[in-house]
């Protein structure tokens, strides 16, 4: 494994200087990337010094350093996890063969498409979150937002490297297109629906990084088992950075819940449905938090694709994309005769149906994802319970509010009851955030940029970044 070279325009550990053609192509792409970052990246804070971590190694210990940097000067790099000598393909029809260092011709289009879709999500989330700095509830939170943003930018670089190095002219064209699409643009939208949704407030950001970034973890883990070794190594290192994004989301929502629960306890408010009274105190009521969970969780489920998927089966069979935790699954890793239970709508009811496991790759990944999310909600409920409040948050049923997959053609309540379209029309406002809910939450988004202070709708974190104290100036706001 080569060391990380930080003396070049593009930091890397792939010996970029030895490939002059690729080096020129990436250096040509670089100013276009910077222009994209300055145009639709974090708005209003490009000249601020931000206390960010930068990856400087791919080793398990000491892989990042912290320091103040202006975001446009951040050292985005191309970093692959260490190469495993003698690594063999662990699944699919090529199981047991040596991993590929070049793209197999028969899988060229399939691999390119997977890389493009993964790459498209990275700049999309930066675009979705670009206005949030102006309403940050603290400098701590602002710094976390910008850390997520710059790392999503680095993950874009990771995918662009693969496109430029292994896919020739078509890869270069796809790399340019990644900078041309825009989240929410009706004419040039991002590829996946969830990445065209607005992120107008910080609760939405915390929900996004809790639920949608967790889908990203699932997808990256599946790709980290790929028979195409450069993709596997790239995504393995991306997972190292992805953990912080999910932590920001999970703890962010927890802090919102904590502040609301503490206020209710302090004020003797026992009725969680007394929304008007709770909101008068400037915190976000628990029923509205539940609605936000319902929305972000259900929209994220659609990112997994159809539960029964020929494309996913083909990717698995071709040894391109494995399953979450592939090496730990106790089967033959080829799925010739296996079945898997999938939730389906049968005669108007949700039932479990055994289907060929090779067709249910997405369904299995969805089940793992739902279990992880359920554990997170359980941790949030402990915060509520500790304040003596009789209320529990829940994940909605997988059939709720779906646009893709087995339940896209039906209407279902959060508990999974199949209902009529008329009932959905009448009651969906009880389950999903309304315009009034959105206006209220956005109305709370007043910036708190004083060092060591936090907006009144969110609790302070339990610990700072990199061992820093609570009154550390994580972002030096430019005058």
Protein backbone atom coordinates (compact mmCIF):
# COMPACT_ATOMS: atom_id res chain seq x y z
CA UNK A 1 0.00 0.00 0.00
CA UNK A 2 1.38 3.43 -0.95
CA UNK A 3 1.55 6.29 1.54
CA UNK A 4 -0.79 9.26 1.24
CA UNK A 5 0.82 11.97 -0.91
CA UNK A 6 -0.22 15.43 0.30
CA UNK A 7 2.34 17.34 -1.77
CA UNK A 8 0.17 17.27 -4.89
CA UNK A 9 -2.95 19.17 -5.93
CA UNK A 10 -5.00 16.02 -5.34
CA UNK A 11 -3.92 14.13 -2.18
CA UNK A 12 -3.95 10.39 -2.84
CA UNK A 13 -2.55 6.98 -1.96
CA UNK A 14 -3.04 5.52 -5.44
CA UNK A 15 0.29 6.68 -6.90
CA UNK A 16 -1.47 9.21 -9.09
CA UNK A 17 1.81 10.75 -10.25
CA UNK A 18 2.62 7.55 -12.18
CA UNK A 19 -0.50 7.84 -14.37
CA UNK A 20 -0.08 11.10 -16.25
CA UNK A 21 -3.28 10.74 -18.29
CA UNK A 22 -5.43 10.17 -15.21
CA UNK A 23 -3.62 12.92 -13.31
CA UNK A 24 -4.36 15.43 -16.08
CA UNK A 25 -8.02 14.37 -16.26
CA UNK A 26 -8.53 14.78 -12.52
CA UNK A 27 -6.66 18.09 -12.43
CA UNK A 28 -8.93 19.30 -15.23
CA UNK A 29 -11.98 18.20 -13.21
CA UNK A 30 -10.70 19.90 -10.05
CA UNK A 31 -11.57 23.55 -10.92
CA UNK A 32 -15.02 22.46 -12.05
CA UNK A 33 -15.49 20.81 -8.68
CA UNK A 34 -14.36 23.93 -6.82
CA UNK A 35 -16.74 26.03 -8.90
CA UNK A 36 -19.57 23.62 -8.02
CA UNK A 37 -18.61 23.78 -4.32
CA UNK A 38 -18.58 27.58 -4.25
CA UNK A 39 -21.79 27.84 -6.28
CA UNK A 40 -24.07 25.31 -4.55
CA UNK A 41 -22.02 24.18 -1.54
CA UNK A 42 -22.39 25.65 1.99
CA UNK A 43 -23.78 29.12 1.56
CA UNK A 44 -22.30 32.14 3.32
CA UNK A 45 -19.40 30.55 5.21
CA UNK A 46 -16.78 29.81 2.56
CA UNK A 47 -14.29 32.25 4.08
CA UNK A 48 -14.68 30.99 7.66
CA UNK A 49 -12.03 28.97 9.44
CA UNK A 50 -13.69 25.68 10.43
CA UNK A 51 -12.29 23.08 12.82
CA UNK A 52 -12.38 20.07 10.51
CA UNK A 53 -10.85 16.64 10.42
CA UNK A 54 -8.91 15.64 7.32
CA UNK A 55 -8.05 12.07 6.41
CA UNK A 56 -4.25 11.71 6.32
CA UNK A 57 -3.93 7.93 6.44
CA UNK A 58 -5.95 4.78 5.82
CA UNK A 59 -4.67 3.00 8.91
CA UNK A 60 -7.14 2.19 11.69
CA UNK A 61 -5.39 4.44 14.22
CA UNK A 62 -4.49 8.05 13.60
CA UNK A 63 -6.15 8.20 10.21
CA UNK A 64 -7.29 11.83 10.58
CA UNK A 65 -5.98 15.12 11.89
CA UNK A 66 -7.98 18.13 13.14
CA UNK A 67 -7.32 21.76 12.38
CA UNK A 68 -8.81 25.01 11.14
CA UNK A 69 -9.27 25.32 7.40
CA UNK A 70 -11.43 27.27 4.97
CA UNK A 71 -13.73 24.80 3.24
CA UNK A 72 -12.70 25.60 -0.36
CA UNK A 73 -9.12 24.87 0.74
CA UNK A 74 -9.98 21.50 2.30
CA UNK A 75 -7.68 18.73 1.06
CA UNK A 76 -10.11 16.42 -0.66
CA UNK A 77 -8.26 13.29 -1.60
CA UNK A 78 -8.45 9.88 -3.22
CA UNK A 79 -7.93 7.27 -0.52
CA UNK A 80 -8.36 3.52 -0.81
CA UNK A 81 -8.26 1.08 2.09
CA UNK A 82 -5.19 -1.18 2.23
CA UNK A 83 -5.02 -3.87 -0.40
CA UNK A 84 -5.56 -7.41 0.88
CA UNK A 85 -3.07 -9.66 -0.86
CA UNK A 86 -4.63 -12.88 -2.09
CA UNK A 87 -8.18 -11.64 -1.57
CA UNK A 88 -10.81 -13.87 -3.22
CA UNK A 89 -14.32 -13.06 -4.36
CA UNK A 90 -16.71 -14.06 -1.57
CA UNK A 91 -20.07 -14.43 -3.35
CA UNK A 92 -21.88 -14.91 -6.64
CA UNK A 93 -20.91 -17.05 -9.58
CA UNK A 94 -17.27 -15.93 -9.36
CA UNK A 95 -16.96 -16.96 -5.71
CA UNK A 96 -13.46 -18.22 -4.94
CA UNK A 97 -11.81 -16.49 -7.90
CA UNK A 98 -9.17 -13.76 -7.36
CA UNK A 99 -10.71 -10.29 -7.10
CA UNK A 100 -10.53 -8.14 -10.20
CA UNK A 101 -8.13 -5.22 -10.47
CA UNK A 102 -9.63 -4.16 -13.81
CA UNK A 103 -13.26 -3.96 -14.91
CA UNK A 104 -14.49 -7.20 -16.49
CA UNK A 105 -15.82 -6.33 -19.93
CA UNK A 106 -19.15 -8.11 -19.46
CA UNK A 107 -19.88 -6.11 -16.30
CA UNK A 108 -18.70 -2.72 -17.49
CA UNK A 109 -22.14 -1.09 -17.83
CA UNK A 110 -23.40 -2.58 -14.56
CA UNK A 111 -20.41 -1.36 -12.57
CA UNK A 112 -20.46 2.10 -14.12
CA UNK A 113 -24.12 2.52 -13.26
CA UNK A 114 -23.61 1.50 -9.62
CA UNK A 115 -20.68 3.92 -9.26
CA UNK A 116 -22.59 6.77 -10.91
CA UNK A 117 -25.61 6.31 -8.62
CA UNK A 118 -23.42 6.19 -5.53
CA UNK A 119 -21.46 9.20 -6.74
CA UNK A 120 -24.62 11.19 -7.46
CA UNK A 121 -25.83 10.95 -3.87
CA UNK A 122 -22.72 12.64 -2.48
CA UNK A 123 -23.00 16.13 -4.05
CA UNK A 124 -26.79 15.91 -3.82
CA UNK A 125 -26.78 15.94 -0.02
CA UNK A 126 -24.38 18.91 0.03
CA UNK A 127 -26.78 20.81 -2.21
CA UNK A 128 -29.73 19.86 -0.02
CA UNK A 129 -27.99 21.21 3.09
CA UNK A 130 -26.37 24.33 1.65
CA UNK A 131 -28.53 26.90 3.46
CA UNK A 132 -28.39 25.39 6.94
CA UNK A 133 -25.30 27.19 8.18
CA UNK A 134 -27.26 30.44 8.41
CA UNK A 135 -29.60 28.93 11.03
CA UNK A 136 -27.15 26.71 12.90
CA UNK A 137 -28.22 26.21 16.54
CA UNK A 138 -24.57 26.43 17.68
CA UNK A 139 -21.03 26.62 16.34
CA UNK A 140 -20.67 22.97 17.37
CA UNK A 141 -23.55 22.00 15.09
CA UNK A 142 -22.37 24.26 12.30
CA UNK A 143 -18.98 22.56 12.39
CA UNK A 144 -20.61 19.13 12.25
CA UNK A 145 -22.68 20.19 9.25
CA UNK A 146 -19.59 21.38 7.41
CA UNK A 147 -17.67 18.21 8.35
CA UNK A 148 -20.43 16.11 6.83
CA UNK A 149 -20.41 18.34 3.73
CA UNK A 150 -16.66 18.18 3.05
CA UNK A 151 -16.63 14.42 3.56
CA UNK A 152 -19.52 13.97 1.15
CA UNK A 153 -17.37 15.98 -1.25
CA UNK A 154 -14.46 13.60 -0.67
CA UNK A 155 -16.75 10.66 -1.32
CA UNK A 156 -17.67 12.26 -4.63
CA UNK A 157 -13.94 12.38 -5.44
CA UNK A 158 -13.72 8.67 -4.60
CA UNK A 159 -16.34 7.78 -7.20
CA UNK A 160 -14.95 10.21 -9.79
CA UNK A 161 -11.54 8.57 -9.46
CA UNK A 162 -13.06 5.18 -10.31
CA UNK A 163 -14.98 6.62 -13.25
CA UNK A 164 -11.98 8.46 -14.67
CA UNK A 165 -9.47 5.65 -14.18
CA UNK A 166 -11.47 2.63 -15.26
CA UNK A 167 -14.14 3.78 -17.71
CA UNK A 168 -12.39 5.96 -20.27
CA UNK A 169 -14.34 8.63 -22.13
CA UNK A 170 -17.72 7.49 -20.80
CA UNK A 171 -16.35 7.71 -17.25
CA UNK A 172 -15.09 11.26 -17.85
CA UNK A 173 -18.50 12.25 -19.22
CA UNK A 174 -20.25 10.74 -16.21
CA UNK A 175 -17.87 12.60 -13.89
CA UNK A 176 -18.81 15.90 -15.52
CA UNK A 177 -22.51 15.06 -15.27
CA UNK A 178 -22.15 14.57 -11.50
CA UNK A 179 -21.42 18.30 -11.27
CA UNK A 180 -24.20 19.30 -13.65
CA UNK A 181 -27.23 17.71 -11.99
CA UNK A 182 -28.83 19.62 -9.11
CA UNK A 183 -30.91 18.44 -6.17
CA UNK A 184 -34.55 19.37 -6.71
CA UNK A 185 -34.00 20.86 -10.17
CA UNK A 186 -37.03 19.92 -12.31
CA UNK A 187 -34.90 19.78 -15.46
CA UNK A 188 -31.67 18.26 -14.06
CA UNK A 189 -32.63 16.40 -10.87
CA UNK A 190 -30.46 14.02 -8.93
CA UNK A 191 -30.99 10.36 -9.81
CA UNK A 192 -32.68 9.15 -6.60
CA UNK A 193 -35.88 10.73 -5.29
CA UNK A 194 -34.83 11.22 -1.65
CA UNK A 195 -31.94 13.37 -2.84
CA UNK A 196 -34.30 15.84 -4.47
CA UNK A 197 -36.21 16.54 -1.25
CA UNK A 198 -35.66 19.87 0.48
CA UNK A 199 -33.77 20.08 3.79
CA UNK A 200 -35.19 23.37 5.11
CA UNK A 201 -34.42 23.00 8.82
CA UNK A 202 -32.05 21.33 11.25
CA UNK A 203 -34.49 18.68 12.42
CA UNK A 204 -34.73 17.56 8.79
CA UNK A 205 -30.92 17.51 8.61
CA UNK A 206 -30.68 15.36 11.73
CA UNK A 207 -33.35 13.00 10.38
CA UNK A 208 -31.55 12.82 7.03
CA UNK A 209 -28.22 11.95 8.60
CA UNK A 210 -29.92 9.42 10.88
CA UNK A 211 -31.95 7.59 8.26
CA UNK A 212 -30.70 8.44 4.77
CA UNK A 213 -26.99 8.32 5.61
CA UNK A 214 -27.68 4.94 7.22
CA UNK A 215 -28.94 3.71 3.87
CA UNK A 216 -25.64 4.99 2.53
CA UNK A 217 -23.81 2.87 5.08
CA UNK A 218 -25.80 -0.20 3.99
CA UNK A 219 -25.03 0.39 0.31
CA UNK A 220 -21.33 1.06 0.96
CA UNK A 221 -21.02 -2.06 3.10
CA UNK A 222 -22.58 -4.11 0.29
CA UNK A 223 -20.18 -2.60 -2.26
CA UNK A 224 -17.23 -3.13 0.11
CA UNK A 225 -17.56 -6.86 -0.66
CA UNK A 226 -17.39 -6.30 -4.42
CA UNK A 227 -15.34 -8.54 -6.63
CA UNK A 228 -14.02 -5.35 -8.27
CA UNK A 229 -11.27 -4.65 -5.77
CA UNK A 230 -10.75 -0.89 -6.36
CA UNK A 231 -14.46 -0.31 -5.63
CA UNK A 232 -14.33 -2.51 -2.53
CA UNK A 233 -11.26 -0.71 -1.18
CA UNK A 234 -12.73 2.72 -1.94
CA UNK A 235 -16.00 2.05 -0.13
CA UNK A 236 -14.27 0.41 2.83
CA UNK A 237 -12.48 3.64 3.57
CA UNK A 238 -15.61 5.72 2.93
CA UNK A 239 -17.28 3.74 5.72
CA UNK A 240 -14.65 5.04 8.14
CA UNK A 241 -15.90 8.59 7.54
CA UNK A 242 -19.58 7.71 7.20
CA UNK A 243 -19.90 6.75 10.88
CA UNK A 244 -19.60 10.39 11.96
CA UNK A 245 -22.46 11.43 9.68
CA UNK A 246 -24.83 8.96 11.31
CA UNK A 247 -23.62 9.97 14.77
CA UNK A 248 -24.45 13.61 14.00
CA UNK A 249 -27.98 12.56 13.05
CA UNK A 250 -28.70 10.15 15.89
CA UNK A 251 -27.36 12.43 18.61
CA UNK A 252 -28.90 15.49 16.98
CA UNK A 253 -32.41 14.05 17.14
CA UNK A 254 -31.67 12.79 20.66
CA UNK A 255 -30.74 16.32 21.74
CA UNK A 256 -33.98 17.73 20.30
CA UNK A 257 -35.97 15.05 22.14
CA UNK A 258 -34.03 15.69 25.34
CA UNK A 259 -34.71 19.43 25.29
CA UNK A 260 -38.44 18.92 24.66
CA UNK A 261 -38.75 16.20 27.30
CA UNK A 262 -36.87 18.23 29.91
CA UNK A 263 -39.00 21.29 29.29
CA UNK A 264 -42.23 19.28 29.57
CA UNK A 265 -41.00 17.81 32.84
CA UNK A 266 -39.90 21.19 34.19
CA UNK A 267 -43.21 22.83 33.27
CA UNK A 268 -45.38 19.95 34.45
CA UNK A 269 -46.81 19.32 30.96
CA UNK A 270 -48.00 15.73 30.90
CA UNK A 271 -50.16 15.79 27.75
CA UNK A 272 -47.88 15.34 24.74
CA UNK A 273 -50.80 16.22 22.49
CA UNK A 274 -51.12 19.69 24.01
CA UNK A 275 -49.07 20.86 21.06
CA UNK A 276 -50.04 24.50 21.31
CA UNK A 277 -48.79 24.81 24.89
CA UNK A 278 -45.58 22.91 24.18
CA UNK A 279 -44.79 24.99 21.13
CA UNK A 280 -45.30 28.22 23.06
CA UNK A 281 -42.20 27.30 25.02
CA UNK A 282 -40.12 27.23 21.83
CA UNK A 283 -39.42 23.50 21.54
CA UNK A 284 -40.48 20.88 19.00
CA UNK A 285 -43.37 18.72 20.23
CA UNK A 286 -42.95 14.96 20.20
CA UNK A 287 -45.86 14.28 17.78
CA UNK A 288 -44.15 16.49 15.20
CA UNK A 289 -40.90 14.60 15.73
CA UNK A 290 -42.88 11.40 15.11
CA UNK A 291 -44.19 12.84 11.84
CA UNK A 292 -40.66 13.68 10.75
CA UNK A 293 -39.58 10.12 11.53
CA UNK A 294 -42.49 8.82 9.46
CA UNK A 295 -41.49 10.94 6.49
CA UNK A 296 -37.71 10.47 6.45
CA UNK A 297 -37.82 6.77 7.25
CA UNK A 298 -40.39 5.98 4.55
CA UNK A 299 -38.66 8.07 1.90
CA UNK A 300 -35.37 6.35 2.71
CA UNK A 301 -36.92 2.89 2.36
CA UNK A 302 -37.58 3.71 -1.27
CA UNK A 303 -33.83 4.18 -1.82
CA UNK A 304 -33.34 0.44 -1.39
CA UNK A 305 -35.30 -0.20 -4.58
CA UNK A 306 -37.88 -2.91 -5.11
CA UNK A 307 -37.73 -5.68 -2.53
CA UNK A 308 -37.74 -8.25 -5.31
CA UNK A 309 -35.24 -7.01 -7.86
CA UNK A 310 -33.73 -8.52 -10.98
CA UNK A 311 -31.06 -5.81 -11.03
CA UNK A 312 -29.96 -6.61 -7.47
CA UNK A 313 -29.98 -10.33 -8.28
CA UNK A 314 -27.82 -9.73 -11.35
CA UNK A 315 -25.35 -7.59 -9.38
CA UNK A 316 -25.05 -10.30 -6.72
CA UNK A 317 -24.78 -13.13 -9.20
CA UNK A 318 -22.11 -11.21 -11.12
CA UNK A 319 -20.13 -10.81 -7.86
CA UNK A 320 -20.38 -7.01 -8.19
CA UNK A 321 -22.42 -6.09 -5.10
CA UNK A 322 -22.80 -8.38 -2.11
CA UNK A 323 -25.01 -8.29 0.96
CA UNK A 324 -24.54 -6.42 4.20
CA UNK A 325 -22.17 -8.52 6.33
CA UNK A 326 -21.65 -10.98 3.48
CA UNK A 327 -18.72 -12.86 5.09
CA UNK A 328 -20.75 -13.41 8.27
CA UNK A 329 -23.84 -14.88 6.57
CA UNK A 330 -24.13 -18.64 7.03
CA UNK A 331 -25.05 -19.88 3.56
CA UNK A 332 -23.31 -20.86 0.32
CA UNK A 333 -23.06 -17.19 -0.82
CA UNK A 334 -24.46 -18.18 -4.20
CA UNK A 335 -28.11 -18.72 -3.29
CA UNK A 336 -28.89 -21.39 -5.85
CA UNK A 337 -31.64 -23.04 -3.79
CA UNK A 338 -32.25 -20.67 -0.88
CA UNK A 339 -35.44 -18.77 -0.13
CA UNK A 340 -36.06 -15.61 1.88
CA UNK A 341 -39.29 -14.29 3.47
CA UNK A 342 -40.48 -11.03 1.93
CA UNK A 343 -43.38 -8.85 3.10
CA UNK A 344 -45.94 -8.56 0.31
CA UNK A 345 -49.51 -7.44 -0.16
CA UNK A 346 -51.63 -10.59 -0.54
CA UNK A 347 -55.41 -10.29 -0.88
CA UNK A 348 -55.36 -6.88 0.75
CA UNK A 349 -53.22 -7.97 3.71
CA UNK A 350 -49.49 -7.74 4.45
CA UNK A 351 -48.06 -11.26 4.61
CA UNK A 352 -44.66 -12.94 4.57
CA UNK A 353 -44.01 -14.89 1.39
CA UNK A 354 -40.97 -17.08 0.76
CA UNK A 355 -39.28 -16.14 -2.53
CA UNK A 356 -35.96 -17.16 -4.11
CA UNK A 357 -33.25 -15.53 -2.02
CA UNK A 358 -31.36 -14.40 -5.12
CA UNK A 359 -34.37 -12.22 -5.98
CA UNK A 360 -34.69 -10.82 -2.46
CA UNK A 361 -31.26 -9.18 -2.05
CA UNK A 362 -32.85 -5.77 -1.52
CA UNK A 363 -35.46 -7.18 0.87
CA UNK A 364 -32.77 -8.67 3.07
CA UNK A 365 -30.82 -5.41 3.14
CA UNK A 366 -34.02 -3.57 4.01
CA UNK A 367 -34.62 -5.89 6.97
CA UNK A 368 -31.14 -5.22 8.36
CA UNK A 369 -31.68 -1.48 7.94
CA UNK A 370 -35.05 -1.53 9.71
CA UNK A 371 -33.58 -3.45 12.65
CA UNK A 372 -30.80 -0.86 13.04
CA UNK A 373 -33.27 2.02 12.88
CA UNK A 374 -35.53 0.33 15.45
CA UNK A 375 -32.61 0.20 17.89
CA UNK A 376 -32.03 3.93 17.41
CA UNK A 377 -35.67 4.76 18.13
CA UNK A 378 -35.45 2.62 21.27
CA UNK A 379 -32.53 4.77 22.47
CA UNK A 380 -34.56 7.94 21.80
CA UNK A 381 -37.48 6.54 23.80
CA UNK A 382 -35.22 6.05 26.81
CA UNK A 383 -34.66 9.81 26.88
CA UNK A 384 -38.42 10.42 26.99
CA UNK A 385 -38.98 7.76 29.63
CA UNK A 386 -36.26 9.19 31.88
CA UNK A 387 -38.28 12.41 32.12
CA UNK A 388 -41.40 10.49 33.17
CA UNK A 389 -43.32 11.27 29.97
CA UNK A 390 -45.83 8.69 28.77
CA UNK A 391 -45.03 8.62 25.07
CA UNK A 392 -43.14 6.38 22.68
CA UNK A 393 -41.80 7.08 19.22
CA UNK A 394 -42.18 4.35 16.61
CA UNK A 395 -40.90 3.49 13.18
CA UNK A 396 -43.79 3.39 10.72
CA UNK A 397 -44.55 0.09 9.03
CA UNK A 398 -42.57 -0.65 5.88
CA UNK A 399 -45.78 -0.37 3.83
CA UNK A 400 -46.39 3.22 4.92
CA UNK A 401 -45.95 6.05 2.38
CA UNK A 402 -44.08 4.00 -0.21
CA UNK A 403 -43.45 5.00 -3.79
CA UNK A 404 -41.17 2.08 -4.73
CA UNK A 405 -41.46 -1.66 -4.24
CA UNK A 406 -44.06 -4.09 -2.95
CA UNK A 407 -46.30 -1.43 -1.37
CA UNK A 408 -46.08 1.35 -3.92
CA UNK A 409 -49.57 0.62 -5.26
CA UNK A 410 -51.41 0.63 -1.94
CA UNK A 411 -52.15 2.98 0.94
CA UNK A 412 -51.22 1.98 4.47
CA UNK A 413 -51.30 3.54 7.93
CA UNK A 414 -48.14 3.82 10.07
CA UNK A 415 -49.22 0.63 11.85
CA UNK A 416 -49.38 -1.24 8.53
CA UNK A 417 -53.14 -1.40 8.09
CA UNK A 418 -54.11 -1.26 4.42
CA UNK A 419 -56.57 1.61 3.91
CA UNK A 420 -58.47 3.23 1.08
CA UNK A 421 -57.22 6.23 -0.87
CA UNK A 422 -60.02 8.34 0.62
CA UNK A 423 -58.93 7.44 4.15
CA UNK A 424 -55.33 8.24 3.26
CA UNK A 425 -56.39 11.62 1.91
CA UNK A 426 -58.33 12.35 5.09
CA UNK A 427 -55.72 11.15 7.57
CA UNK A 428 -52.26 11.55 6.01
CA UNK A 429 -51.97 14.95 7.71
CA UNK A 430 -52.01 13.12 11.05
CA UNK A 431 -48.99 11.06 10.01
CA UNK A 432 -46.81 13.29 7.84
CA UNK A 433 -45.54 16.83 8.50
CA UNK A 434 -48.02 19.48 7.38
CA UNK A 435 -47.16 22.88 5.96
CA UNK A 436 -47.98 24.37 9.38
CA UNK A 437 -45.61 21.90 11.06
CA UNK A 438 -42.90 22.90 8.63
CA UNK A 439 -43.53 26.59 9.19
CA UNK A 440 -43.36 26.14 12.96
CA UNK A 441 -40.08 24.23 12.87
CA UNK A 442 -38.55 26.67 10.41
CA UNK A 443 -39.70 29.50 12.65
CA UNK A 444 -37.53 28.11 15.46
CA UNK A 445 -34.45 28.12 13.27
CA UNK A 446 -32.81 31.24 14.66
CA UNK A 447 -29.00 31.21 14.46
CA UNK A 448 -27.00 30.87 17.63
CA UNK A 449 -23.45 31.72 16.67
CA UNK A 450 -22.16 32.79 20.09
CA UNK A 451 -19.34 30.59 21.36
CA UNK A 452 -20.58 27.95 23.80
CA UNK A 453 -24.28 28.78 23.36
CA UNK A 454 -27.10 26.63 21.96
CA UNK A 455 -30.51 27.46 20.51
CA UNK A 456 -33.33 26.92 23.04
CA UNK A 457 -34.94 24.05 21.08
CA UNK A 458 -31.94 21.71 21.36
CA UNK A 459 -29.85 20.42 24.27
CA UNK A 460 -26.09 20.79 24.41
CA UNK A 461 -24.08 17.70 23.42
CA UNK A 462 -22.55 15.46 26.05
CA UNK A 463 -19.03 15.97 24.67
CA UNK A 464 -17.18 18.22 22.28
CA UNK A 465 -15.20 17.40 19.14
CA UNK A 466 -11.64 16.08 19.45
CA UNK A 467 -11.79 16.48 23.23
CA UNK A 468 -12.46 20.22 23.01
CA UNK A 469 -14.40 22.02 25.79
CA UNK A 470 -17.98 23.22 25.43
CA UNK A 471 -16.95 26.82 24.83
CA UNK A 472 -14.56 26.01 21.98
CA UNK A 473 -14.91 28.21 18.89
CA UNK A 474 -15.47 25.50 16.29
CA UNK A 475 -16.15 28.01 13.51
CA UNK A 476 -14.47 31.39 13.35
CA UNK A 477 -17.18 33.51 11.74
CA UNK A 478 -15.64 35.84 9.20
CA UNK A 479 -16.27 39.53 9.87
